[in-house]
Amino acid sequence: MSDDAVWLPTTALSVLPVVDRLETEGGTVVMVESGAAHRIVRLSGLGVEVLAAVDGGTTLGALEAAMLERLGPPPDGDLSRAVQAAVKGLVDAGLLSVA
């Protein structure tokens, strides 16, 4: 995934399957397939919120609206940049698909 990837509000997002998921008071970890092996990914609170909002599929524009409703505006005020950064991290971790 390119560091300079920019997606449109109509870009489709979907959650990729995970092998296992563990949620505790200390946070959430998921096991994802990584070639012939598996990888453990610890999710931030934002990552958990993004995956919940994307569940079932959505667009980047709809995700931005959902994140604004769920969490309010980001501290720096740039919602699009914050959501795209979160999406990129989840794509790189093998948890989201972008089409």
N, C-alpha and C. Protein backbone atom coordinates (compact mmCIF):
# COMPACT_ATOMS: atom_id res chain seq x y z
N MET A 1 0.85 -1.18 0.00
CA MET A 1 0.00 0.00 0.00
C MET A 1 0.89 1.23 0.00
N SER A 2 0.61 2.14 -0.87
CA SER A 2 1.40 3.36 -1.00
C SER A 2 1.09 4.32 0.15
N ASP A 3 2.14 4.98 0.65
CA ASP A 3 1.94 5.95 1.72
C ASP A 3 1.16 7.17 1.26
N ASP A 4 1.14 7.42 -0.05
CA ASP A 4 0.44 8.59 -0.55
C ASP A 4 -0.93 8.24 -1.14
N ALA A 5 -1.46 7.06 -0.79
CA ALA A 5 -2.77 6.66 -1.28
C ALA A 5 -3.83 7.64 -0.79
N VAL A 6 -4.66 8.09 -1.71
CA VAL A 6 -5.77 8.96 -1.36
C VAL A 6 -7.02 8.35 -1.99
N TRP A 7 -8.03 8.17 -1.19
CA TRP A 7 -9.26 7.56 -1.66
C TRP A 7 -10.37 8.59 -1.72
N LEU A 8 -11.34 8.34 -2.57
CA LEU A 8 -12.50 9.21 -2.73
C LEU A 8 -13.58 8.86 -1.72
N PRO A 9 -14.53 9.75 -1.47
CA PRO A 9 -15.63 9.43 -0.56
C PRO A 9 -16.45 8.21 -1.02
N THR A 10 -16.41 7.91 -2.32
CA THR A 10 -17.16 6.76 -2.85
C THR A 10 -16.37 5.46 -2.78
N THR A 11 -15.13 5.50 -2.32
CA THR A 11 -14.31 4.29 -2.21
C THR A 11 -14.98 3.30 -1.28
N ALA A 12 -15.13 2.05 -1.76
CA ALA A 12 -15.79 1.00 -0.97
C ALA A 12 -14.81 0.38 0.02
N LEU A 13 -15.28 0.14 1.23
CA LEU A 13 -14.50 -0.49 2.29
C LEU A 13 -15.22 -1.73 2.78
N SER A 14 -14.46 -2.76 3.08
CA SER A 14 -15.05 -3.95 3.69
C SER A 14 -14.07 -4.55 4.67
N VAL A 15 -14.61 -5.22 5.69
CA VAL A 15 -13.80 -5.86 6.72
C VAL A 15 -13.39 -7.23 6.20
N LEU A 16 -12.11 -7.55 6.35
CA LEU A 16 -11.60 -8.87 5.97
C LEU A 16 -11.80 -9.83 7.13
N PRO A 17 -11.92 -11.12 6.83
CA PRO A 17 -12.13 -12.09 7.92
C PRO A 17 -10.92 -12.20 8.83
N VAL A 18 -11.19 -12.45 10.10
CA VAL A 18 -10.12 -12.70 11.07
C VAL A 18 -10.24 -14.15 11.53
N VAL A 19 -9.11 -14.72 11.93
CA VAL A 19 -9.09 -16.10 12.41
C VAL A 19 -9.68 -16.18 13.80
N ASP A 20 -9.33 -15.20 14.65
CA ASP A 20 -9.83 -15.18 16.02
C ASP A 20 -9.77 -13.75 16.55
N ARG A 21 -10.55 -13.48 17.57
CA ARG A 21 -10.63 -12.15 18.16
C ARG A 21 -10.77 -12.31 19.67
N LEU A 22 -10.02 -11.50 20.41
CA LEU A 22 -10.09 -11.51 21.87
C LEU A 22 -10.27 -10.08 22.35
N GLU A 23 -11.36 -9.86 23.11
CA GLU A 23 -11.63 -8.54 23.67
C GLU A 23 -11.55 -8.63 25.18
N THR A 24 -10.77 -7.75 25.78
CA THR A 24 -10.64 -7.68 27.23
C THR A 24 -10.74 -6.23 27.66
N GLU A 25 -10.71 -6.01 28.95
CA GLU A 25 -10.70 -4.63 29.46
C GLU A 25 -9.46 -3.89 29.00
N GLY A 26 -8.39 -4.63 28.72
CA GLY A 26 -7.13 -4.03 28.29
C GLY A 26 -7.05 -3.73 26.81
N GLY A 27 -8.05 -4.15 26.05
CA GLY A 27 -8.04 -3.88 24.61
C GLY A 27 -8.48 -5.08 23.79
N THR A 28 -8.30 -4.94 22.50
CA THR A 28 -8.73 -5.97 21.55
C THR A 28 -7.54 -6.40 20.71
N VAL A 29 -7.41 -7.72 20.54
CA VAL A 29 -6.41 -8.27 19.64
C VAL A 29 -7.13 -9.21 18.67
N VAL A 30 -6.62 -9.27 17.45
CA VAL A 30 -7.18 -10.18 16.45
C VAL A 30 -6.04 -10.98 15.84
N MET A 31 -6.38 -12.18 15.37
CA MET A 31 -5.44 -13.01 14.64
C MET A 31 -5.86 -12.98 13.18
N VAL A 32 -4.93 -12.59 12.30
CA VAL A 32 -5.21 -12.53 10.87
C VAL A 32 -4.28 -13.48 10.13
N GLU A 33 -4.76 -13.98 9.01
CA GLU A 33 -3.92 -14.83 8.17
C GLU A 33 -2.84 -13.97 7.54
N SER A 34 -1.65 -14.51 7.46
CA SER A 34 -0.53 -13.81 6.85
C SER A 34 0.30 -14.84 6.10
N GLY A 35 -0.11 -15.10 4.87
CA GLY A 35 0.55 -16.15 4.10
C GLY A 35 0.23 -17.50 4.70
N ALA A 36 1.26 -18.30 4.94
CA ALA A 36 1.06 -19.64 5.50
C ALA A 36 0.94 -19.60 7.02
N ALA A 37 1.16 -18.45 7.62
CA ALA A 37 1.13 -18.32 9.08
C ALA A 37 0.00 -17.39 9.51
N HIS A 38 -0.01 -17.05 10.78
CA HIS A 38 -0.97 -16.10 11.33
C HIS A 38 -0.20 -15.00 12.03
N ARG A 39 -0.86 -13.85 12.14
CA ARG A 39 -0.27 -12.69 12.79
C ARG A 39 -1.24 -12.15 13.82
N ILE A 40 -0.72 -11.67 14.93
CA ILE A 40 -1.55 -11.05 15.96
C ILE A 40 -1.46 -9.53 15.79
N VAL A 41 -2.62 -8.87 15.79
CA VAL A 41 -2.69 -7.42 15.65
C VAL A 41 -3.46 -6.87 16.84
N ARG A 42 -2.84 -5.93 17.55
CA ARG A 42 -3.52 -5.25 18.66
C ARG A 42 -4.20 -4.00 18.10
N LEU A 43 -5.48 -3.89 18.34
CA LEU A 43 -6.25 -2.77 17.82
C LEU A 43 -6.32 -1.62 18.82
N SER A 44 -6.20 -0.42 18.31
CA SER A 44 -6.44 0.76 19.13
C SER A 44 -7.94 0.93 19.29
N GLY A 45 -8.34 1.80 20.18
CA GLY A 45 -9.77 2.11 20.32
C GLY A 45 -10.35 2.63 19.02
N LEU A 46 -9.57 3.44 18.31
CA LEU A 46 -10.03 3.96 17.01
C LEU A 46 -10.18 2.82 16.02
N GLY A 47 -9.24 1.88 16.01
CA GLY A 47 -9.33 0.74 15.10
C GLY A 47 -10.59 -0.08 15.34
N VAL A 48 -10.91 -0.30 16.60
CA VAL A 48 -12.14 -1.03 16.95
C VAL A 48 -13.36 -0.29 16.43
N GLU A 49 -13.39 1.03 16.62
CA GLU A 49 -14.53 1.84 16.16
C GLU A 49 -14.66 1.81 14.64
N VAL A 50 -13.53 1.92 13.93
CA VAL A 50 -13.57 1.89 12.46
C VAL A 50 -14.07 0.54 11.97
N LEU A 51 -13.55 -0.56 12.52
CA LEU A 51 -14.01 -1.88 12.08
C LEU A 51 -15.50 -2.07 12.36
N ALA A 52 -15.97 -1.59 13.49
CA ALA A 52 -17.41 -1.71 13.81
C ALA A 52 -18.24 -0.90 12.82
N ALA A 53 -17.77 0.27 12.44
CA ALA A 53 -18.52 1.12 11.51
C ALA A 53 -18.50 0.57 10.09
N VAL A 54 -17.42 -0.11 9.72
CA VAL A 54 -17.31 -0.66 8.36
C VAL A 54 -18.02 -2.01 8.24
N ASP A 55 -18.22 -2.70 9.35
CA ASP A 55 -18.81 -4.04 9.33
C ASP A 55 -20.00 -4.11 8.38
N GLY A 56 -19.97 -5.05 7.45
CA GLY A 56 -21.03 -5.17 6.46
C GLY A 56 -20.75 -4.36 5.21
N GLY A 57 -19.71 -3.53 5.24
CA GLY A 57 -19.33 -2.73 4.08
C GLY A 57 -19.88 -1.32 4.14
N THR A 58 -19.10 -0.38 3.63
CA THR A 58 -19.50 1.02 3.60
C THR A 58 -18.59 1.75 2.62
N THR A 59 -18.77 3.04 2.53
CA THR A 59 -17.88 3.87 1.72
C THR A 59 -17.05 4.74 2.66
N LEU A 60 -15.99 5.29 2.12
CA LEU A 60 -15.14 6.17 2.92
C LEU A 60 -15.93 7.37 3.43
N GLY A 61 -16.79 7.94 2.58
CA GLY A 61 -17.60 9.09 2.99
C GLY A 61 -18.55 8.75 4.13
N ALA A 62 -19.18 7.58 4.04
CA ALA A 62 -20.09 7.14 5.10
C ALA A 62 -19.32 6.84 6.38
N LEU A 63 -18.10 6.31 6.24
CA LEU A 63 -17.27 6.04 7.41
C LEU A 63 -16.90 7.35 8.10
N GLU A 64 -16.54 8.36 7.33
CA GLU A 64 -16.22 9.67 7.92
C GLU A 64 -17.40 10.19 8.73
N ALA A 65 -18.60 10.10 8.16
CA ALA A 65 -19.80 10.57 8.88
C ALA A 65 -20.01 9.75 10.15
N ALA A 66 -19.81 8.44 10.07
CA ALA A 66 -19.99 7.58 11.25
C ALA A 66 -18.97 7.90 12.33
N MET A 67 -17.73 8.15 11.94
CA MET A 67 -16.69 8.48 12.92
C MET A 67 -16.96 9.83 13.58
N LEU A 68 -17.45 10.78 12.81
CA LEU A 68 -17.80 12.08 13.38
C LEU A 68 -18.91 11.91 14.40
N GLU A 69 -19.90 11.09 14.08
CA GLU A 69 -21.02 10.85 14.99
C GLU A 69 -20.58 10.08 16.23
N ARG A 70 -19.74 9.06 16.05
CA ARG A 70 -19.30 8.21 17.16
C ARG A 70 -18.31 8.91 18.08
N LEU A 71 -17.34 9.64 17.49
CA LEU A 71 -16.21 10.14 18.26
C LEU A 71 -16.06 11.65 18.28
N GLY A 72 -16.83 12.35 17.45
CA GLY A 72 -16.68 13.79 17.36
C GLY A 72 -15.51 14.14 16.45
N PRO A 73 -15.24 15.43 16.28
CA PRO A 73 -14.16 15.83 15.38
C PRO A 73 -12.78 15.48 15.97
N PRO A 74 -11.81 15.19 15.11
CA PRO A 74 -10.46 14.90 15.61
C PRO A 74 -9.82 16.17 16.17
N PRO A 75 -8.83 16.02 17.03
CA PRO A 75 -8.20 17.20 17.66
C PRO A 75 -7.68 18.23 16.67
N ASP A 76 -7.13 17.76 15.53
CA ASP A 76 -6.59 18.73 14.57
C ASP A 76 -7.65 19.25 13.60
N GLY A 77 -8.88 18.71 13.69
CA GLY A 77 -9.98 19.19 12.86
C GLY A 77 -10.03 18.63 11.45
N ASP A 78 -9.05 17.82 11.04
CA ASP A 78 -9.02 17.27 9.68
C ASP A 78 -9.56 15.85 9.68
N LEU A 79 -10.89 15.72 9.61
CA LEU A 79 -11.56 14.44 9.69
C LEU A 79 -11.13 13.50 8.55
N SER A 80 -11.10 14.00 7.33
CA SER A 80 -10.74 13.15 6.19
C SER A 80 -9.35 12.55 6.36
N ARG A 81 -8.40 13.36 6.76
CA ARG A 81 -7.03 12.88 6.94
C ARG A 81 -6.96 11.84 8.06
N ALA A 82 -7.65 12.08 9.15
CA ALA A 82 -7.63 11.15 10.28
C ALA A 82 -8.25 9.81 9.91
N VAL A 83 -9.38 9.85 9.20
CA VAL A 83 -10.05 8.61 8.81
C VAL A 83 -9.20 7.86 7.79
N GLN A 84 -8.63 8.57 6.81
CA GLN A 84 -7.79 7.89 5.83
C GLN A 84 -6.57 7.26 6.48
N ALA A 85 -5.98 7.91 7.48
CA ALA A 85 -4.83 7.34 8.18
C ALA A 85 -5.24 6.06 8.92
N ALA A 86 -6.40 6.08 9.56
CA ALA A 86 -6.89 4.90 10.27
C ALA A 86 -7.17 3.77 9.29
N VAL A 87 -7.80 4.09 8.17
CA VAL A 87 -8.09 3.08 7.15
C VAL A 87 -6.80 2.49 6.61
N LYS A 88 -5.82 3.33 6.32
CA LYS A 88 -4.54 2.83 5.80
C LYS A 88 -3.90 1.86 6.78
N GLY A 89 -3.91 2.20 8.06
CA GLY A 89 -3.34 1.31 9.07
C GLY A 89 -4.03 -0.04 9.11
N LEU A 90 -5.36 -0.03 8.99
CA LEU A 90 -6.11 -1.28 9.02
C LEU A 90 -5.95 -2.08 7.72
N VAL A 91 -5.79 -1.39 6.60
CA VAL A 91 -5.50 -2.07 5.33
C VAL A 91 -4.13 -2.74 5.42
N ASP A 92 -3.14 -1.99 5.90
CA ASP A 92 -1.78 -2.52 6.04
C ASP A 92 -1.73 -3.72 7.00
N ALA A 93 -2.60 -3.73 8.01
CA ALA A 93 -2.65 -4.82 8.98
C ALA A 93 -3.43 -6.03 8.46
N GLY A 94 -4.06 -5.89 7.29
CA GLY A 94 -4.83 -7.00 6.73
C GLY A 94 -6.22 -7.14 7.27
N LEU A 95 -6.77 -6.03 7.80
CA LEU A 95 -8.10 -6.08 8.40
C LEU A 95 -9.18 -5.40 7.57
N LEU A 96 -8.80 -4.54 6.64
CA LEU A 96 -9.75 -3.86 5.77
C LEU A 96 -9.34 -4.03 4.33
N SER A 97 -10.35 -4.07 3.46
CA SER A 97 -10.14 -4.10 2.02
C SER A 97 -10.70 -2.80 1.44
N VAL A 98 -9.96 -2.21 0.49
CA VAL A 98 -10.38 -0.97 -0.17
C VAL A 98 -10.54 -1.27 -1.65
N ALA A 99 -11.69 -0.89 -2.19
CA ALA A 99 -11.92 -1.12 -3.64
C ALA A 99 -12.44 0.14 -4.29
